Amino acid sequence: QVQLVESGGGLVQPGGSLRLSCAASGSIFSIYAMGWYRQAPGKQRELVAASTTCSITTYADSMKGRFTISRDNAKNTMYLQMNSLKHKDRNVYYCNGVIQSRPESKKTDDYWGQGNQVTVSS
């Protein structure tokens, strides 16, 4: 089993910053990609940023220049530094990992964190 545990959400004023963390643990042989998604009530989950094993990063257009995704591969941990937060960034943020659990099988599975509320309010 693999678990992704998120931390770091909370309340921040517009223009402020927060850093989210996502720690993967359990039966992990290799992590191929990790990413952050967010979901507002009644809406589909959308990509915020993603990072591959080769450190190729992708950002949603509205997050470029404000959010930074990073990974500490030695700790199986991913971060999302969010700066210049806006009211519209208020969402539940989820981390995702594409993970190979066994060395003898190249099969990967998608895992999700529990979700972390980010509220931007003055």
N, C-alpha and C. Protein backbone atom coordinates (compact mmCIF):
# COMPACT_ATOMS: atom_id res chain seq x y z
N GLN A 1 0.83 -1.19 0.00
CA GLN A 1 0.00 0.00 0.00
C GLN A 1 0.87 1.24 0.00
N VAL A 2 0.35 2.27 -0.63
CA VAL A 2 1.04 3.55 -0.70
C VAL A 2 0.12 4.62 -0.11
N GLN A 3 0.71 5.50 0.67
CA GLN A 3 -0.06 6.61 1.22
C GLN A 3 0.60 7.93 0.82
N LEU A 4 -0.24 8.88 0.48
CA LEU A 4 0.22 10.25 0.25
C LEU A 4 -0.41 11.13 1.32
N VAL A 5 0.41 11.78 2.09
CA VAL A 5 -0.09 12.61 3.19
C VAL A 5 0.30 14.06 2.92
N GLU A 6 -0.73 14.89 2.90
CA GLU A 6 -0.52 16.30 2.61
C GLU A 6 -0.50 17.13 3.88
N SER A 7 0.17 18.26 3.80
CA SER A 7 0.16 19.21 4.91
C SER A 7 0.43 20.61 4.36
N GLY A 8 0.13 21.61 5.16
CA GLY A 8 0.52 22.97 4.82
C GLY A 8 -0.57 23.91 4.36
N GLY A 9 -1.80 23.44 4.24
CA GLY A 9 -2.86 24.34 3.81
C GLY A 9 -3.26 25.29 4.93
N GLY A 10 -4.27 26.09 4.63
CA GLY A 10 -4.75 27.00 5.66
C GLY A 10 -5.31 28.27 5.08
N LEU A 11 -5.37 29.28 5.93
CA LEU A 11 -5.94 30.58 5.57
C LEU A 11 -4.82 31.58 5.33
N VAL A 12 -4.94 32.32 4.26
CA VAL A 12 -3.94 33.33 3.94
C VAL A 12 -4.65 34.53 3.30
N GLN A 13 -4.07 35.70 3.48
CA GLN A 13 -4.64 36.89 2.86
C GLN A 13 -4.24 36.98 1.39
N PRO A 14 -5.02 37.68 0.60
CA PRO A 14 -4.64 37.88 -0.80
C PRO A 14 -3.25 38.48 -0.90
N GLY A 15 -2.45 37.93 -1.83
CA GLY A 15 -1.08 38.36 -1.96
C GLY A 15 -0.11 37.59 -1.12
N GLY A 16 -0.62 36.77 -0.23
CA GLY A 16 0.23 36.00 0.67
C GLY A 16 0.74 34.71 0.04
N SER A 17 1.44 33.94 0.86
CA SER A 17 2.07 32.70 0.37
C SER A 17 1.75 31.53 1.29
N LEU A 18 1.74 30.36 0.70
CA LEU A 18 1.62 29.11 1.45
C LEU A 18 2.48 28.07 0.76
N ARG A 19 2.93 27.09 1.53
CA ARG A 19 3.64 25.97 0.93
C ARG A 19 2.95 24.68 1.34
N LEU A 20 2.57 23.89 0.34
CA LEU A 20 1.98 22.58 0.57
C LEU A 20 3.06 21.51 0.45
N SER A 21 2.90 20.47 1.25
CA SER A 21 3.81 19.33 1.18
C SER A 21 3.00 18.06 0.97
N CYS A 22 3.62 17.11 0.31
CA CYS A 22 2.99 15.81 0.09
C CYS A 22 4.07 14.75 0.25
N ALA A 23 3.92 13.92 1.26
CA ALA A 23 4.89 12.88 1.54
C ALA A 23 4.32 11.52 1.17
N ALA A 24 5.04 10.79 0.34
CA ALA A 24 4.64 9.45 -0.08
C ALA A 24 5.37 8.42 0.78
N SER A 25 4.63 7.40 1.20
CA SER A 25 5.24 6.35 2.00
C SER A 25 4.57 5.02 1.69
N GLY A 26 5.20 3.94 2.14
CA GLY A 26 4.64 2.62 1.92
C GLY A 26 5.45 1.85 0.90
N SER A 27 4.75 1.04 0.13
CA SER A 27 5.40 0.16 -0.84
C SER A 27 5.74 0.94 -2.11
N ILE A 28 6.92 1.56 -2.12
CA ILE A 28 7.33 2.40 -3.24
C ILE A 28 8.64 1.89 -3.81
N PHE A 29 8.61 1.54 -5.09
CA PHE A 29 9.86 1.21 -5.78
C PHE A 29 10.35 2.41 -6.57
N SER A 30 9.42 3.05 -7.27
CA SER A 30 9.79 4.21 -8.06
C SER A 30 8.59 5.14 -8.22
N ILE A 31 8.85 6.44 -8.15
CA ILE A 31 7.79 7.43 -8.40
C ILE A 31 8.05 8.05 -9.75
N TYR A 32 7.13 7.85 -10.68
CA TYR A 32 7.32 8.34 -12.04
C TYR A 32 6.96 9.81 -12.16
N ALA A 33 5.90 10.19 -11.55
CA ALA A 33 5.45 11.57 -11.65
C ALA A 33 4.65 11.92 -10.42
N MET A 34 4.70 13.18 -10.09
CA MET A 34 3.86 13.67 -8.99
C MET A 34 3.26 15.00 -9.43
N GLY A 35 2.10 15.28 -8.91
CA GLY A 35 1.47 16.52 -9.31
C GLY A 35 0.50 17.04 -8.27
N TRP A 36 0.13 18.27 -8.46
CA TRP A 36 -0.89 18.91 -7.61
C TRP A 36 -2.12 19.23 -8.46
N TYR A 37 -3.26 18.96 -7.89
CA TYR A 37 -4.53 19.27 -8.53
C TYR A 37 -5.35 20.05 -7.52
N ARG A 38 -6.39 20.70 -8.02
CA ARG A 38 -7.30 21.38 -7.11
C ARG A 38 -8.72 21.23 -7.62
N GLN A 39 -9.63 21.32 -6.67
CA GLN A 39 -11.03 21.10 -7.01
C GLN A 39 -11.91 22.00 -6.17
N ALA A 40 -12.73 22.77 -6.84
CA ALA A 40 -13.72 23.61 -6.16
C ALA A 40 -15.04 22.84 -6.10
N PRO A 41 -15.91 23.17 -5.15
CA PRO A 41 -17.20 22.47 -5.05
C PRO A 41 -17.98 22.53 -6.36
N GLY A 42 -18.43 21.38 -6.81
CA GLY A 42 -19.24 21.31 -8.01
C GLY A 42 -18.47 21.39 -9.31
N LYS A 43 -17.15 21.43 -9.22
CA LYS A 43 -16.33 21.53 -10.42
C LYS A 43 -15.39 20.34 -10.53
N GLN A 44 -14.88 20.15 -11.75
CA GLN A 44 -13.94 19.06 -11.97
C GLN A 44 -12.58 19.39 -11.37
N ARG A 45 -11.88 18.35 -11.02
CA ARG A 45 -10.52 18.51 -10.52
C ARG A 45 -9.64 18.98 -11.68
N GLU A 46 -8.79 19.97 -11.41
CA GLU A 46 -7.95 20.51 -12.47
C GLU A 46 -6.48 20.46 -12.07
N LEU A 47 -5.64 20.34 -13.07
CA LEU A 47 -4.20 20.30 -12.82
C LEU A 47 -3.70 21.67 -12.39
N VAL A 48 -2.86 21.66 -11.35
CA VAL A 48 -2.17 22.87 -10.93
C VAL A 48 -0.73 22.83 -11.46
N ALA A 49 -0.02 21.78 -11.15
CA ALA A 49 1.37 21.63 -11.59
C ALA A 49 1.75 20.16 -11.47
N ALA A 50 2.70 19.74 -12.30
CA ALA A 50 3.16 18.36 -12.25
C ALA A 50 4.65 18.31 -12.51
N SER A 51 5.26 17.25 -12.01
CA SER A 51 6.70 17.09 -12.16
C SER A 51 7.01 15.63 -12.43
N THR A 52 7.84 15.38 -13.45
CA THR A 52 8.24 14.02 -13.77
C THR A 52 9.55 13.68 -13.06
N THR A 53 9.93 12.42 -13.19
CA THR A 53 11.18 11.98 -12.58
C THR A 53 12.37 12.74 -13.14
N CYS A 54 12.28 13.16 -14.41
CA CYS A 54 13.36 13.90 -15.04
C CYS A 54 13.29 15.38 -14.74
N SER A 55 12.45 15.75 -13.78
CA SER A 55 12.30 17.14 -13.35
C SER A 55 11.69 18.03 -14.42
N ILE A 56 10.96 17.45 -15.32
CA ILE A 56 10.20 18.26 -16.27
C ILE A 56 8.93 18.70 -15.56
N THR A 57 8.68 20.00 -15.57
CA THR A 57 7.53 20.52 -14.85
C THR A 57 6.51 21.12 -15.81
N THR A 58 5.27 21.05 -15.39
CA THR A 58 4.16 21.60 -16.16
C THR A 58 3.29 22.40 -15.20
N TYR A 59 2.81 23.55 -15.66
CA TYR A 59 1.94 24.38 -14.86
C TYR A 59 0.70 24.77 -15.65
N ALA A 60 -0.40 24.88 -14.93
CA ALA A 60 -1.57 25.49 -15.52
C ALA A 60 -1.25 26.96 -15.77
N ASP A 61 -1.82 27.51 -16.82
CA ASP A 61 -1.47 28.88 -17.23
C ASP A 61 -1.66 29.89 -16.11
N SER A 62 -2.73 29.74 -15.35
CA SER A 62 -3.03 30.75 -14.33
C SER A 62 -2.09 30.68 -13.13
N MET A 63 -1.28 29.60 -13.05
CA MET A 63 -0.36 29.44 -11.94
C MET A 63 1.09 29.78 -12.31
N LYS A 64 1.35 29.91 -13.60
CA LYS A 64 2.72 30.17 -14.03
C LYS A 64 3.22 31.48 -13.44
N GLY A 65 4.43 31.42 -12.89
CA GLY A 65 5.02 32.61 -12.31
C GLY A 65 4.64 32.84 -10.86
N ARG A 66 3.61 32.16 -10.40
CA ARG A 66 3.18 32.33 -9.00
C ARG A 66 3.44 31.07 -8.18
N PHE A 67 3.26 29.91 -8.79
CA PHE A 67 3.41 28.64 -8.08
C PHE A 67 4.67 27.93 -8.56
N THR A 68 5.31 27.22 -7.65
CA THR A 68 6.50 26.45 -7.99
C THR A 68 6.39 25.06 -7.38
N ILE A 69 6.50 24.05 -8.24
CA ILE A 69 6.49 22.67 -7.78
C ILE A 69 7.93 22.19 -7.64
N SER A 70 8.18 21.41 -6.60
CA SER A 70 9.51 20.85 -6.42
C SER A 70 9.40 19.49 -5.75
N ARG A 71 10.44 18.71 -5.86
CA ARG A 71 10.45 17.38 -5.27
C ARG A 71 11.77 17.11 -4.57
N ASP A 72 11.68 16.40 -3.47
CA ASP A 72 12.85 15.86 -2.80
C ASP A 72 12.75 14.35 -2.98
N ASN A 73 13.42 13.84 -4.00
CA ASN A 73 13.27 12.43 -4.34
C ASN A 73 13.80 11.51 -3.23
N ALA A 74 14.79 11.97 -2.49
CA ALA A 74 15.33 11.15 -1.41
C ALA A 74 14.30 10.94 -0.30
N LYS A 75 13.40 11.91 -0.16
CA LYS A 75 12.38 11.83 0.88
C LYS A 75 11.01 11.45 0.33
N ASN A 76 10.93 11.21 -0.98
CA ASN A 76 9.64 10.93 -1.63
C ASN A 76 8.61 12.00 -1.27
N THR A 77 9.04 13.22 -1.31
CA THR A 77 8.19 14.34 -0.91
C THR A 77 8.14 15.39 -2.02
N MET A 78 6.96 15.95 -2.18
CA MET A 78 6.73 16.98 -3.18
C MET A 78 6.21 18.23 -2.48
N TYR A 79 6.53 19.36 -3.05
CA TYR A 79 6.10 20.64 -2.47
C TYR A 79 5.43 21.50 -3.53
N LEU A 80 4.59 22.39 -3.07
CA LEU A 80 4.02 23.41 -3.93
C LEU A 80 4.13 24.75 -3.20
N GLN A 81 5.01 25.59 -3.68
CA GLN A 81 5.13 26.93 -3.14
C GLN A 81 4.17 27.83 -3.90
N MET A 82 3.26 28.41 -3.16
CA MET A 82 2.24 29.26 -3.78
C MET A 82 2.44 30.70 -3.30
N ASN A 83 2.72 31.57 -4.23
CA ASN A 83 2.92 32.98 -3.93
C ASN A 83 1.85 33.83 -4.62
N SER A 84 1.72 35.05 -4.16
CA SER A 84 0.75 35.99 -4.76
C SER A 84 -0.63 35.35 -4.87
N LEU A 85 -1.07 34.76 -3.80
CA LEU A 85 -2.35 34.04 -3.81
C LEU A 85 -3.51 34.99 -4.02
N LYS A 86 -4.50 34.49 -4.76
CA LYS A 86 -5.67 35.28 -5.10
C LYS A 86 -6.91 34.60 -4.55
N HIS A 87 -8.01 35.33 -4.49
CA HIS A 87 -9.26 34.74 -4.02
C HIS A 87 -9.62 33.49 -4.82
N LYS A 88 -9.37 33.53 -6.12
CA LYS A 88 -9.77 32.41 -6.97
C LYS A 88 -8.91 31.17 -6.75
N ASP A 89 -7.82 31.30 -5.98
CA ASP A 89 -7.00 30.12 -5.67
C ASP A 89 -7.60 29.32 -4.52
N ARG A 90 -8.68 29.81 -3.94
CA ARG A 90 -9.32 29.08 -2.86
C ARG A 90 -9.88 27.77 -3.40
N ASN A 91 -9.39 26.65 -2.88
CA ASN A 91 -9.77 25.33 -3.38
C ASN A 91 -9.29 24.28 -2.39
N VAL A 92 -9.71 23.06 -2.63
CA VAL A 92 -9.08 21.93 -1.98
C VAL A 92 -7.99 21.42 -2.93
N TYR A 93 -6.78 21.31 -2.43
CA TYR A 93 -5.64 20.90 -3.22
C TYR A 93 -5.30 19.44 -2.91
N TYR A 94 -5.12 18.67 -3.96
CA TYR A 94 -4.80 17.26 -3.84
C TYR A 94 -3.45 16.96 -4.47
N CYS A 95 -2.67 16.12 -3.83
CA CYS A 95 -1.46 15.66 -4.48
C CYS A 95 -1.72 14.30 -5.11
N ASN A 96 -0.98 14.04 -6.16
CA ASN A 96 -1.13 12.80 -6.92
C ASN A 96 0.24 12.21 -7.19
N GLY A 97 0.32 10.90 -7.15
CA GLY A 97 1.57 10.24 -7.48
C GLY A 97 1.33 9.06 -8.41
N VAL A 98 2.14 8.94 -9.42
CA VAL A 98 2.12 7.77 -10.31
C VAL A 98 3.29 6.90 -9.87
N ILE A 99 2.97 5.77 -9.25
CA ILE A 99 3.97 5.04 -8.48
C ILE A 99 4.04 3.58 -8.87
N GLN A 100 5.27 3.11 -9.03
CA GLN A 100 5.52 1.69 -9.24
C GLN A 100 5.87 1.08 -7.88
N SER A 101 5.12 0.10 -7.47
CA SER A 101 5.31 -0.45 -6.12
C SER A 101 6.31 -1.59 -6.08
N ARG A 102 6.40 -2.37 -7.17
CA ARG A 102 7.22 -3.57 -7.15
C ARG A 102 8.29 -3.52 -8.23
N PRO A 103 9.51 -3.89 -7.93
CA PRO A 103 10.57 -3.86 -8.94
C PRO A 103 10.36 -4.87 -10.05
N GLU A 104 9.65 -5.97 -9.76
CA GLU A 104 9.46 -7.02 -10.76
C GLU A 104 8.33 -6.73 -11.72
N SER A 105 7.55 -5.71 -11.43
CA SER A 105 6.44 -5.35 -12.30
C SER A 105 6.51 -3.87 -12.63
N LYS A 106 6.37 -3.54 -13.91
CA LYS A 106 6.41 -2.14 -14.31
C LYS A 106 5.05 -1.46 -14.17
N LYS A 107 4.11 -2.16 -13.62
CA LYS A 107 2.77 -1.60 -13.43
C LYS A 107 2.84 -0.42 -12.47
N THR A 108 2.16 0.66 -12.85
CA THR A 108 2.07 1.82 -11.97
C THR A 108 0.61 2.06 -11.59
N ASP A 109 0.43 2.71 -10.49
CA ASP A 109 -0.90 3.07 -10.02
C ASP A 109 -0.93 4.53 -9.64
N ASP A 110 -2.13 5.09 -9.71
CA ASP A 110 -2.36 6.47 -9.29
C ASP A 110 -2.75 6.50 -7.83
N TYR A 111 -2.11 7.36 -7.08
CA TYR A 111 -2.48 7.53 -5.68
C TYR A 111 -2.79 9.01 -5.43
N TRP A 112 -3.69 9.25 -4.47
CA TRP A 112 -4.11 10.60 -4.15
C TRP A 112 -3.95 10.87 -2.66
N GLY A 113 -3.62 12.11 -2.36
CA GLY A 113 -3.61 12.54 -0.98
C GLY A 113 -5.02 12.82 -0.51
N GLN A 114 -5.15 13.18 0.74
CA GLN A 114 -6.45 13.34 1.36
C GLN A 114 -7.10 14.69 1.04
N GLY A 115 -6.35 15.59 0.45
CA GLY A 115 -6.89 16.91 0.14
C GLY A 115 -6.56 17.89 1.25
N ASN A 116 -6.30 19.12 0.85
CA ASN A 116 -5.88 20.14 1.80
C ASN A 116 -6.55 21.46 1.41
N GLN A 117 -7.30 22.02 2.33
CA GLN A 117 -8.04 23.25 2.04
C GLN A 117 -7.10 24.46 2.06
N VAL A 118 -7.18 25.24 1.01
CA VAL A 118 -6.48 26.52 0.95
C VAL A 118 -7.55 27.61 0.82
N THR A 119 -7.56 28.53 1.75
CA THR A 119 -8.53 29.61 1.74
C THR A 119 -7.79 30.94 1.64
N VAL A 120 -8.20 31.74 0.68
CA VAL A 120 -7.59 33.07 0.49
C VAL A 120 -8.67 34.10 0.79
N SER A 121 -8.47 34.81 1.88
CA SER A 121 -9.50 35.75 2.31
C SER A 121 -8.88 36.86 3.13
N SER A 122 -9.43 38.05 2.97
CA SER A 122 -8.97 39.17 3.78
C SER A 122 -9.84 39.32 5.02
